[in-house]
C-alpha cells in the first residue's frame, strides 16, 4: 500500500513545485492535417482518411483554422507569437499512434513566454508563467476489454478507434510553478479552470472536461527548501476534472514526501490517476526530449504567420473571463463570495443569457443557483446540460413576477419543463397551476376554512393575530397551493374584522 505523509507535515518539510501541461482539442471542422471531419460520438473509425491512419504515401496539409486558434490562444495568454515556426516528429510507439510518431512542435513553438493571472477561492491572485503553447495532433483512442477499470493490464484484447487521431490540439506548458506551498492543489485546479474559461471565451473549443476536450498532465516535485535545486518529478497524465486535478496534485505531494522522508528516491515516471480510489499508480519511465528523437517534419512547410494577421487577431480578441466576471459582478450587485459561487457552479453564461431574455439579475441567479443547481447535483448532470434554456427560465421568472405563479407552483412548472412538456406557460396552463387571483373564488375558500376553524378564529379575535397563519395555511390547502398567500391573509383579516 502506498505510504502518504500527512498533508500539513509534507508542505512544512518540503517545498512543492508543480508544472502543468494542458491539452485542448480545437473545435475545427476538420482535423489538423487532413480533411477528415471532426464530431463527437461518431461510429468508431468512421472519420478517418489515409492521413489519419498514417498510410504510406499520405501527405499532411496544415489546417489554417487551427493555426488561427493557436495564435488567438497565445495572444490571450500574453505570449509572443513566433515569426516562423515548424512542426517536428515526436517518435514513439503506441497502438493508437498509427504513424508511430506524433506530428507536434518541439524547438519552435508558435507561441512562447506568456503569463496568466489566476484568481483563487479567497480572491488571491497568483501568477503562472507560461513557457510555450504549441500545435500538435491528438492520438486515437484505445479501449481495453476484460481488464480491471478499463486499463490495459489484464485485458483480453484492445480495440482502437482512430476517429480522434489527428484532431487539432494545442498544448500549453507552464514554467515550474514555485511558491505554491499548501495551496498547490488549489492553484493547479484554478489554473486549469481559468484556461477552460479562456478557451470558451475565445470559442476555440467546447472545452468540456468530461469529453476529454481539455486534459491536464500534472508534474510534481519536492525540494527541501525554495533555494534548493528542483527535485525529480512525476507526471500524472490525462487528468480531466477540476476536482481530480486538485486531488492528484495533493496525493503526489504526499507520496513524494513519504518516500523522501523515508530515505528513498523519486522515480521520474508517468502515473495514472484513479478517480474511484483517489490514488495514482505507476505508468512508464518518463522520457526526456532526446528519447523521442525529435526531428523537423519533412512533409510540412514552416508556418510563417503574417504580422498584420496576428495584429488583426489581437484586436479581435473578446473580453477575457476575469474582466467579464468583474463587470458582471458589478452589474448584478453580487459580493465576492456570491460571484465565486456562480463561477464555480458554471452559471455565469446561463445567468447572463437569462437576463438577456428579460429576467432580472436577482431572479435569474435565484433559479439557476437555487432549484436548478439542486436538480443538477441530484441528477449528476452539469448545469448547462439540464434540458431547460435561459429563455424558459426567464419566462418562468416572468410568470412569478407577474403574479401568475408563486415559487411553489413555479417549481412544479419547472418539473414539467424539464420533463419536456413545453414552455413554462404551456405547462402552467396544461396542468392548471396558475394562481387563483379572483377574490370571489378566494373568499369562498376563506369562508370554508373559517367555518371549520372555530378555535383558531377565537384565538385571533381574542388578540392572538399571529394565529391567522394557520387559517392561511388552510386556505392554501383548500386551493391546492394556488392562492396568493398575501391576498388570502388580507381577505381573512377583512372577514374577521382584525387589523394586521
Protein backbone atom coordinates (compact mmCIF):
# COMPACT_ATOMS: atom_id res chain seq x y z
CA UNK A 1 0.00 0.00 0.00
CA UNK A 2 1.33 3.44 -0.95
CA UNK A 3 2.55 5.43 2.04
CA UNK A 4 1.44 9.05 2.28
CA UNK A 5 2.72 11.76 4.59
CA UNK A 6 0.20 13.94 6.40
CA UNK A 7 -0.54 16.97 4.20
CA UNK A 8 0.41 19.66 6.69
CA UNK A 9 3.61 17.83 7.54
CA UNK A 10 4.50 17.36 3.86
CA UNK A 11 4.22 21.04 2.96
CA UNK A 12 6.09 22.08 6.11
CA UNK A 13 9.03 19.73 5.47
CA UNK A 14 9.29 20.24 1.71
CA UNK A 15 8.82 22.98 -0.88
CA UNK A 16 6.42 21.71 -3.59
CA UNK A 17 6.98 22.73 -7.20
CA UNK A 18 4.37 21.93 -9.83
CA UNK A 19 4.17 22.19 -13.59
CA UNK A 20 1.06 21.73 -15.72
CA UNK A 21 0.68 20.72 -19.34
CA UNK A 22 -2.83 21.34 -20.65
CA UNK A 23 -4.08 19.87 -23.92
CA UNK A 24 -7.14 21.44 -25.52
CA UNK A 25 -8.94 19.93 -28.51
CA UNK A 26 -9.90 22.61 -31.01
CA UNK A 27 -13.40 22.79 -32.46
CA UNK A 28 -12.28 22.94 -36.08
CA UNK A 29 -14.50 21.37 -38.74
CA UNK A 30 -11.71 19.07 -39.92
CA UNK A 31 -8.55 17.53 -38.48
CA UNK A 32 -5.13 19.11 -38.08
CA UNK A 33 -3.52 17.70 -41.20
CA UNK A 34 -6.34 16.28 -43.36
CA UNK A 35 -9.97 16.84 -44.24
CA UNK A 36 -11.46 14.08 -42.11
CA UNK A 37 -14.48 15.52 -40.25
CA UNK A 38 -14.45 16.15 -36.50
CA UNK A 39 -17.51 15.43 -34.39
CA UNK A 40 -18.11 13.81 -31.02
CA UNK A 41 -19.70 10.38 -30.71
CA UNK A 42 -19.44 9.16 -34.31
CA UNK A 43 -19.19 5.44 -35.12
CA UNK A 44 -15.64 4.15 -34.47
CA UNK A 45 -13.23 4.61 -37.39
CA UNK A 46 -15.83 6.43 -39.48
CA UNK A 47 -13.99 9.79 -39.51
CA UNK A 48 -10.65 8.85 -41.00
CA UNK A 49 -8.61 9.37 -44.16
CA UNK A 50 -5.30 7.84 -45.27
CA UNK A 51 -3.56 10.69 -43.40
CA UNK A 52 -5.48 9.94 -40.18
CA UNK A 53 -4.45 6.29 -40.48
CA UNK A 54 -0.82 7.03 -41.30
CA UNK A 55 -0.94 5.08 -44.55
CA UNK A 56 2.22 5.10 -46.70
CA UNK A 57 2.36 7.99 -49.15
CA UNK A 58 -0.34 10.05 -47.42
CA UNK A 59 0.79 13.67 -47.14
CA UNK A 60 -0.40 16.17 -44.48
CA UNK A 61 -1.64 19.73 -45.03
CA UNK A 62 -1.85 22.24 -42.16
CA UNK A 63 -5.31 23.36 -41.03
CA UNK A 64 -5.38 27.18 -41.24
CA UNK A 65 -8.26 27.46 -38.72
CA UNK A 66 -6.20 25.52 -36.18
CA UNK A 67 -3.26 27.88 -36.68
CA UNK A 68 -5.57 30.83 -36.14
CA UNK A 69 -6.91 29.31 -32.91
CA UNK A 70 -3.36 28.64 -31.72
CA UNK A 71 -2.41 32.27 -32.29
CA UNK A 72 -5.54 33.54 -30.50
CA UNK A 73 -4.82 31.29 -27.51
CA UNK A 74 -1.22 32.51 -27.42
CA UNK A 75 -2.29 36.14 -27.54
CA UNK A 76 -4.88 35.61 -24.78
CA UNK A 77 -2.10 34.19 -22.59
CA UNK A 78 0.17 37.17 -23.22
CA UNK A 79 2.59 35.12 -25.33
CA UNK A 80 4.86 36.27 -28.11
CA UNK A 81 3.84 34.82 -31.47
CA UNK A 82 6.68 33.31 -33.47
CA UNK A 83 7.55 34.99 -36.74
CA UNK A 84 8.20 31.50 -38.08
CA UNK A 85 7.79 28.06 -36.56
CA UNK A 86 7.79 24.48 -37.77
CA UNK A 87 6.45 21.06 -36.96
CA UNK A 88 8.50 18.11 -35.78
CA UNK A 89 8.11 14.37 -35.49
CA UNK A 90 7.91 13.06 -31.93
CA UNK A 91 8.75 9.40 -32.27
CA UNK A 92 7.27 6.75 -30.02
CA UNK A 93 5.23 3.61 -30.44
CA UNK A 94 1.72 3.07 -29.14
CA UNK A 95 -1.17 1.26 -30.87
CA UNK A 96 -3.31 4.38 -31.14
CA UNK A 97 -0.46 6.24 -32.90
CA UNK A 98 -0.89 4.90 -36.44
CA UNK A 99 2.25 6.60 -37.83
CA UNK A 100 4.43 5.61 -34.82
CA UNK A 101 5.15 9.32 -34.42
CA UNK A 102 3.15 12.35 -33.43
CA UNK A 103 3.31 15.50 -35.50
CA UNK A 104 3.97 18.20 -32.93
CA UNK A 105 6.20 21.20 -32.35
CA UNK A 106 9.46 20.96 -30.44
CA UNK A 107 12.07 23.70 -30.51
CA UNK A 108 9.95 26.20 -32.46
CA UNK A 109 6.51 26.61 -30.88
CA UNK A 110 4.00 29.04 -32.35
CA UNK A 111 3.62 30.91 -29.01
CA UNK A 112 6.03 31.37 -26.12
CA UNK A 113 6.81 33.37 -22.96
CA UNK A 114 3.41 34.31 -21.54
CA UNK A 115 1.71 34.53 -18.16
CA UNK A 116 -1.74 34.00 -16.70
CA UNK A 117 -3.14 35.58 -13.53
CA UNK A 118 -5.28 33.06 -11.65
CA UNK A 119 -7.86 34.02 -9.02
CA UNK A 120 -8.04 31.63 -6.07
CA UNK A 121 -11.07 30.87 -3.92
CA UNK A 122 -10.40 33.70 -1.47
CA UNK A 123 -9.75 36.26 -4.21
CA UNK A 124 -5.95 35.99 -4.08
CA UNK A 125 -4.28 36.46 -7.48
CA UNK A 126 -1.48 34.01 -8.33
CA UNK A 127 0.59 34.45 -11.49
CA UNK A 128 1.51 31.37 -13.52
CA UNK A 129 4.32 31.79 -16.06
CA UNK A 130 3.71 30.15 -19.44
CA UNK A 131 6.69 28.63 -21.23
CA UNK A 132 5.03 27.80 -24.55
CA UNK A 133 1.86 26.91 -26.42
CA UNK A 134 2.35 24.66 -29.41
CA UNK A 135 0.30 22.87 -32.05
CA UNK A 136 0.05 19.12 -32.40
CA UNK A 137 -2.36 16.33 -33.25
CA UNK A 138 -4.31 14.06 -30.93
CA UNK A 139 -3.90 10.30 -30.84
CA UNK A 140 -6.54 7.67 -31.39
CA UNK A 141 -8.39 6.00 -28.54
CA UNK A 142 -7.73 2.50 -27.20
CA UNK A 143 -10.46 0.60 -25.36
CA UNK A 144 -9.17 -2.32 -23.31
CA UNK A 145 -11.62 -5.18 -22.94
CA UNK A 146 -11.64 -7.56 -19.99
CA UNK A 147 -9.14 -5.78 -17.75
CA UNK A 148 -9.71 -4.07 -14.43
CA UNK A 149 -11.06 -0.49 -14.56
CA UNK A 150 -10.51 -0.28 -18.31
CA UNK A 151 -6.72 -0.50 -18.03
CA UNK A 152 -4.53 -2.48 -20.41
CA UNK A 153 -3.14 -4.60 -17.58
CA UNK A 154 -5.05 -7.88 -17.53
CA UNK A 155 -7.14 -7.02 -20.60
CA UNK A 156 -8.04 -9.82 -23.00
CA UNK A 157 -7.78 -7.59 -26.07
CA UNK A 158 -7.95 -3.94 -27.13
CA UNK A 159 -9.98 -2.03 -29.69
CA UNK A 160 -8.62 1.08 -31.40
CA UNK A 161 -10.75 3.95 -32.70
CA UNK A 162 -8.85 6.36 -34.96
CA UNK A 163 -11.61 8.98 -35.14
CA UNK A 164 -9.70 11.11 -32.63
CA UNK A 165 -6.34 10.60 -34.37
CA UNK A 166 -5.33 13.89 -35.96
CA UNK A 167 -7.78 16.19 -34.15
CA UNK A 168 -6.02 19.54 -33.62
CA UNK A 169 -4.57 20.06 -30.16
CA UNK A 170 -2.88 23.00 -28.51
CA UNK A 171 -0.59 22.07 -25.65
CA UNK A 172 0.10 24.82 -23.10
CA UNK A 173 3.15 24.23 -20.91
CA UNK A 174 3.90 26.22 -17.77
CA UNK A 175 7.30 27.03 -16.38
CA UNK A 176 7.96 25.44 -12.97
CA UNK A 177 5.33 26.96 -10.65
CA UNK A 178 7.06 27.82 -7.40
CA UNK A 179 5.82 29.32 -4.16
CA UNK A 180 2.64 27.23 -4.17
CA UNK A 181 3.07 25.78 -0.66
CA UNK A 182 -0.07 24.40 0.94
CA UNK A 183 -2.21 25.83 -1.87
CA UNK A 184 -0.58 23.72 -4.59
CA UNK A 185 -3.71 21.70 -5.37
CA UNK A 186 -5.98 24.74 -5.33
CA UNK A 187 -3.62 26.64 -7.64
CA UNK A 188 -3.47 23.73 -10.09
CA UNK A 189 -7.26 23.48 -10.18
CA UNK A 190 -7.81 27.24 -10.51
CA UNK A 191 -5.22 27.50 -13.31
CA UNK A 192 -6.94 24.84 -15.44
CA UNK A 193 -10.36 26.35 -14.68
CA UNK A 194 -9.10 29.73 -15.85
CA UNK A 195 -7.72 28.22 -19.05
CA UNK A 196 -11.02 26.43 -19.68
CA UNK A 197 -12.89 29.73 -19.35
CA UNK A 198 -10.49 31.39 -21.80
CA UNK A 199 -10.95 28.60 -24.36
CA UNK A 200 -14.69 29.08 -24.18
CA UNK A 201 -14.46 32.87 -24.38
CA UNK A 202 -12.30 32.53 -27.50
CA UNK A 203 -14.73 29.92 -28.91
CA UNK A 204 -11.82 27.69 -29.96
CA UNK A 205 -13.09 24.60 -28.14
CA UNK A 206 -16.17 23.27 -26.40
CA UNK A 207 -13.70 22.73 -23.53
CA UNK A 208 -15.78 20.00 -21.92
CA UNK A 209 -13.65 18.16 -19.41
CA UNK A 210 -15.94 15.13 -19.29
CA UNK A 211 -15.47 14.60 -23.05
CA UNK A 212 -11.72 14.96 -22.85
CA UNK A 213 -11.70 18.28 -24.73
CA UNK A 214 -9.40 19.58 -22.00
CA UNK A 215 -6.90 17.30 -20.28
CA UNK A 216 -4.13 18.15 -17.83
CA UNK A 217 -0.81 16.45 -17.06
CA UNK A 218 0.27 17.36 -13.53
CA UNK A 219 4.01 17.44 -12.78
CA UNK A 220 5.05 17.41 -9.13
CA UNK A 221 8.44 17.57 -7.46
CA UNK A 222 9.63 18.39 -3.94
CA UNK A 223 12.79 20.06 -2.68
CA UNK A 224 13.99 20.71 0.86
CA UNK A 225 13.80 24.49 0.55
CA UNK A 226 12.96 27.18 -2.02
CA UNK A 227 16.66 27.84 -2.72
CA UNK A 228 17.46 24.17 -3.43
CA UNK A 229 17.57 22.69 -6.96
CA UNK A 230 14.36 21.24 -8.35
CA UNK A 231 13.64 17.68 -7.30
CA UNK A 232 12.85 14.67 -9.51
CA UNK A 233 9.34 14.96 -10.90
CA UNK A 234 6.48 12.63 -11.60
CA UNK A 235 3.85 13.35 -14.23
CA UNK A 236 0.23 12.31 -13.67
CA UNK A 237 -1.30 12.01 -17.14
CA UNK A 238 -4.64 13.00 -18.62
CA UNK A 239 -6.50 14.24 -15.54
CA UNK A 240 -9.82 15.54 -16.80
CA UNK A 241 -11.81 17.05 -13.96
CA UNK A 242 -11.10 20.04 -11.75
CA UNK A 243 -11.67 18.05 -8.58
CA UNK A 244 -9.26 15.36 -9.74
CA UNK A 245 -6.59 17.93 -10.66
CA UNK A 246 -6.56 19.20 -7.09
CA UNK A 247 -6.71 15.73 -5.54
CA UNK A 248 -3.99 14.27 -7.79
CA UNK A 249 -1.66 17.19 -7.03
CA UNK A 250 -2.09 16.78 -3.29
CA UNK A 251 -1.75 12.99 -3.49
CA UNK A 252 1.54 13.15 -5.37
CA UNK A 253 2.98 15.72 -2.95
CA UNK A 254 2.09 13.45 -0.03
CA UNK A 255 3.50 10.39 -1.83
CA UNK A 256 6.77 12.12 -2.72
CA UNK A 257 7.13 13.44 0.83
CA UNK A 258 6.71 9.98 2.36
CA UNK A 259 9.33 8.49 0.01
CA UNK A 260 11.88 11.27 0.58
CA UNK A 261 11.37 11.31 4.34
CA UNK A 262 11.99 7.57 4.38
CA UNK A 263 15.32 7.98 2.59
CA UNK A 264 14.02 6.79 -0.80
CA UNK A 265 14.36 8.32 -4.26
CA UNK A 266 11.64 9.53 -6.59
CA UNK A 267 11.42 7.75 -9.93
CA UNK A 268 10.91 10.03 -12.93
CA UNK A 269 7.82 8.45 -14.45
CA UNK A 270 4.33 8.98 -15.75
CA UNK A 271 1.49 7.96 -13.48
CA UNK A 272 -2.22 7.24 -13.88
CA UNK A 273 -4.90 8.86 -11.73
CA UNK A 274 -7.75 6.67 -10.46
CA UNK A 275 -10.84 8.71 -9.67
CA UNK A 276 -12.53 5.84 -7.85
CA UNK A 277 -9.74 5.26 -5.33
CA UNK A 278 -8.18 8.74 -5.27
CA UNK A 279 -4.74 7.27 -5.98
CA UNK A 280 -2.07 7.33 -8.67
CA UNK A 281 -0.28 4.26 -9.99
CA UNK A 282 2.94 3.90 -11.95
CA UNK A 283 2.77 4.10 -15.73
CA UNK A 284 6.11 4.10 -17.50
CA UNK A 285 9.51 5.73 -17.02
CA UNK A 286 9.24 9.34 -18.13
CA UNK A 287 11.14 10.03 -21.31
CA UNK A 288 13.20 13.16 -21.81
CA UNK A 289 13.11 15.10 -25.07
CA UNK A 290 16.09 13.25 -26.57
CA UNK A 291 14.32 9.93 -26.07
CA UNK A 292 11.67 10.99 -28.57
CA UNK A 293 14.26 11.59 -31.31
CA UNK A 294 12.62 14.80 -32.48
CA UNK A 295 13.46 15.95 -35.98
CA UNK A 296 11.82 18.50 -38.32
CA UNK A 297 8.74 17.22 -40.15
CA UNK A 298 9.90 16.92 -43.79
CA UNK A 299 6.39 16.88 -45.26
CA UNK A 300 5.27 20.26 -43.88
CA UNK A 301 6.46 23.74 -44.69
CA UNK A 302 7.28 26.15 -41.82
CA UNK A 303 4.34 28.22 -40.53
CA UNK A 304 5.05 31.95 -41.01
CA UNK A 305 2.15 33.99 -39.56
CA UNK A 306 1.75 37.33 -41.31
CA UNK A 307 2.34 40.11 -38.76
CA UNK A 308 -0.69 42.07 -39.94
CA UNK A 309 -2.83 38.96 -39.47
CA UNK A 310 -1.50 38.47 -35.94
CA UNK A 311 -2.33 42.08 -35.03
CA UNK A 312 -5.79 41.69 -36.56
CA UNK A 313 -6.38 38.64 -34.37
CA UNK A 314 -5.09 40.53 -31.34
CA UNK A 315 -7.54 43.38 -31.92
CA UNK A 316 -10.37 40.86 -32.34
CA UNK A 317 -9.87 39.12 -29.00
CA UNK A 318 -13.02 39.06 -26.85
CA UNK A 319 -13.29 40.36 -23.31
CA UNK A 320 -11.31 37.98 -21.12
CA UNK A 321 -13.24 35.97 -18.50
CA UNK A 322 -11.70 37.69 -15.45
CA UNK A 323 -12.62 41.18 -16.72
CA UNK A 324 -16.06 39.97 -17.75
CA UNK A 325 -16.71 38.45 -14.33
CA UNK A 326 -15.78 41.69 -12.57
CA UNK A 327 -18.09 43.65 -14.88
CA UNK A 328 -21.00 41.26 -14.38
CA UNK A 329 -20.43 41.12 -10.62
CA UNK A 330 -20.83 44.89 -10.51
CA UNK A 331 -23.90 44.86 -12.75
CA UNK A 332 -25.54 42.06 -10.73
CA UNK A 333 -24.60 43.62 -7.35
CA UNK A 334 -23.00 40.42 -6.03
CA UNK A 335 -20.46 40.05 -3.25
CA UNK A 336 -17.16 38.33 -3.96
CA UNK A 337 -18.29 35.03 -2.37
CA UNK A 338 -21.59 35.13 -4.28
CA UNK A 339 -19.80 35.67 -7.58
CA UNK A 340 -17.34 32.85 -6.84
CA UNK A 341 -20.30 30.54 -6.18
CA UNK A 342 -21.77 31.49 -9.56
CA UNK A 343 -18.45 30.88 -11.29
CA UNK A 344 -17.84 27.56 -9.55
CA UNK A 345 -21.33 26.39 -10.50
CA UNK A 346 -20.67 27.15 -14.17
CA UNK A 347 -23.65 29.51 -14.18
CA UNK A 348 -22.17 32.78 -15.47
CA UNK A 349 -23.20 32.32 -19.11
CA UNK A 350 -26.58 30.86 -18.13
CA UNK A 351 -27.45 33.76 -15.84
CA UNK A 352 -26.25 36.35 -18.36
CA UNK A 353 -28.32 34.74 -21.13
CA UNK A 354 -31.39 34.60 -18.86
CA UNK A 355 -31.05 38.29 -18.09
CA UNK A 356 -30.74 39.00 -21.82
CA UNK A 357 -34.10 37.22 -22.23
CA UNK A 358 -35.77 39.71 -19.88
CA UNK A 359 -35.21 38.37 -16.36
CA UNK A 360 -33.88 40.47 -13.52
CA UNK A 361 -30.39 39.53 -12.28
CA UNK A 362 -31.82 38.51 -8.90
CA UNK A 363 -34.43 36.19 -10.41
CA UNK A 364 -32.00 34.64 -12.90
CA UNK A 365 -29.49 33.94 -10.16
CA UNK A 366 -32.19 32.61 -7.82
CA UNK A 367 -33.38 29.95 -10.28
CA UNK A 368 -30.01 28.84 -11.65
CA UNK A 369 -28.24 28.82 -8.28
CA UNK A 370 -31.25 27.50 -6.37
CA UNK A 371 -33.66 24.90 -7.71
CA UNK A 372 -31.76 24.17 -10.92
CA UNK A 373 -28.43 23.72 -9.13
CA UNK A 374 -30.14 21.37 -6.67
CA UNK A 375 -31.51 19.30 -9.55
CA UNK A 376 -28.12 19.38 -11.27
CA UNK A 377 -26.40 17.96 -8.19
CA UNK A 378 -29.14 15.41 -7.54
CA UNK A 379 -29.10 14.10 -11.12
CA UNK A 380 -25.33 14.25 -11.52
CA UNK A 381 -25.71 16.44 -14.63
CA UNK A 382 -23.81 19.63 -15.42
CA UNK A 383 -25.96 22.74 -15.01
CA UNK A 384 -25.56 23.62 -18.68
CA UNK A 385 -26.75 20.15 -19.71
CA UNK A 386 -30.12 20.37 -17.96
CA UNK A 387 -32.99 20.32 -20.51
CA UNK A 388 -34.03 23.90 -19.87
CA UNK A 389 -32.98 27.06 -21.71
CA UNK A 390 -32.25 30.55 -20.38
CA UNK A 391 -35.31 31.76 -22.32
CA UNK A 392 -37.51 29.28 -20.45
CA UNK A 393 -36.04 30.28 -17.08
CA UNK A 394 -36.68 33.94 -17.93
CA UNK A 395 -40.27 33.09 -18.86
CA UNK A 396 -40.73 31.21 -15.58
CA UNK A 397 -39.34 34.15 -13.61
CA UNK A 398 -41.71 36.45 -15.51
CA UNK A 399 -44.72 34.34 -14.55
CA UNK A 400 -43.71 34.65 -10.89
CA UNK A 401 -43.11 38.41 -11.06
CA UNK A 402 -46.47 38.96 -12.80
CA UNK A 403 -48.28 37.12 -10.00
CA UNK A 404 -49.45 34.23 -12.17
CA UNK A 405 -47.27 31.78 -10.19
CA UNK A 406 -45.76 31.65 -6.74
CA UNK A 407 -42.44 29.94 -6.06
CA UNK A 408 -44.08 26.66 -5.07
CA UNK A 409 -46.17 26.45 -8.23
CA UNK A 410 -43.20 27.64 -10.29
CA UNK A 411 -41.17 24.66 -9.10
CA UNK A 412 -43.97 22.36 -10.24
CA UNK A 413 -44.00 24.11 -13.61
CA UNK A 414 -40.21 23.75 -13.84
CA UNK A 415 -40.55 20.00 -13.29
CA UNK A 416 -42.83 19.85 -16.33
CA UNK A 417 -40.42 21.93 -18.42
CA UNK A 418 -37.53 19.62 -17.51
CA UNK A 419 -39.70 16.64 -18.46
CA UNK A 420 -40.08 18.08 -21.95
CA UNK A 421 -43.74 19.09 -21.62
CA UNK A 422 -43.26 22.50 -23.20
CA UNK A 423 -42.67 26.10 -22.21
CA UNK A 424 -43.44 27.33 -18.68
CA UNK A 425 -46.72 28.93 -19.77
CA UNK A 426 -47.75 25.80 -21.66
CA UNK A 427 -47.06 23.62 -18.61
CA UNK A 428 -48.80 26.06 -16.27
CA UNK A 429 -51.97 26.11 -18.37
CA UNK A 430 -51.99 22.40 -19.16
CA UNK A 431 -51.63 21.43 -15.50
CA UNK A 432 -53.89 24.14 -14.12
CA UNK A 433 -51.18 25.57 -11.93
CA UNK A 434 -51.98 29.27 -12.29
CA UNK A 435 -52.50 31.23 -9.09
CA UNK A 436 -56.13 31.90 -8.12
CA UNK A 437 -56.43 35.69 -8.16
CA UNK A 438 -60.22 36.06 -8.30
CA UNK A 439 -61.41 37.41 -4.93
CA UNK A 440 -64.70 35.60 -5.29
CA UNK A 441 -63.04 32.19 -5.51
CA UNK A 442 -60.62 33.08 -2.72
CA UNK A 443 -63.44 34.31 -0.43
CA UNK A 444 -65.30 31.04 -0.90
CA UNK A 445 -62.21 29.13 0.27
CA UNK A 446 -61.67 31.61 3.13
CA UNK A 447 -65.25 31.19 4.36
CA UNK A 448 -64.97 27.40 4.22
CA UNK A 449 -61.77 27.42 6.30
CA UNK A 450 -63.11 29.96 8.84
CA UNK A 451 -66.27 27.91 9.34
CA UNK A 452 -64.21 24.80 10.04
CA UNK A 453 -61.71 26.50 12.36
CA UNK A 454 -63.69 27.96 15.27
CA UNK A 455 -60.93 27.51 17.91
CA UNK A 456 -58.38 29.32 15.76
CA UNK A 457 -60.85 32.09 14.98
CA UNK A 458 -61.46 32.58 18.71
CA UNK A 459 -57.70 32.97 19.31
CA UNK A 460 -57.46 35.58 16.58
CA UNK A 461 -60.45 37.53 17.87
CA UNK A 462 -59.02 37.42 21.39
CA UNK A 463 -55.93 39.24 20.16
CA UNK A 464 -53.60 36.47 19.05
CA UNK A 465 -53.47 37.77 15.49
CA UNK A 466 -50.40 35.64 14.61
CA UNK A 467 -52.71 32.61 14.62
CA UNK A 468 -54.07 33.86 11.30
CA UNK A 469 -51.19 31.95 9.68
CA UNK A 470 -52.99 28.68 10.42
CA UNK A 471 -56.05 29.89 8.50
CA UNK A 472 -53.85 31.00 5.59
CA UNK A 473 -52.35 27.50 5.52
CA UNK A 474 -55.85 26.02 5.47
CA UNK A 475 -56.85 28.18 2.50
CA UNK A 476 -53.66 27.26 0.65
CA UNK A 477 -54.51 23.60 1.18
CA UNK A 478 -58.10 24.21 0.07
CA UNK A 479 -56.85 25.81 -3.16
CA UNK A 480 -54.08 23.22 -3.74
CA UNK A 481 -51.44 25.86 -3.16
CA UNK A 482 -52.77 28.07 -5.97
CA UNK A 483 -53.82 31.03 -3.86
CA UNK A 484 -51.85 34.23 -3.36
CA UNK A 485 -50.95 33.88 0.31
CA UNK A 486 -50.62 37.64 0.84
CA UNK A 487 -54.08 38.30 -0.60
CA UNK A 488 -55.55 35.42 1.42
CA UNK A 489 -54.18 36.95 4.62
CA UNK A 490 -55.81 40.28 3.74
CA UNK A 491 -59.19 38.66 2.99
CA UNK A 492 -59.17 36.67 6.25
CA UNK A 493 -58.41 39.86 8.21
CA UNK A 494 -61.30 41.66 6.46
CA UNK A 495 -63.70 38.79 7.16
CA UNK A 496 -62.78 38.70 10.85
CA UNK A 497 -62.54 42.47 11.27
CA UNK A 498 -58.99 42.43 12.63
CA UNK A 499 -56.07 44.71 11.85
CA UNK A 500 -52.83 43.07 10.78
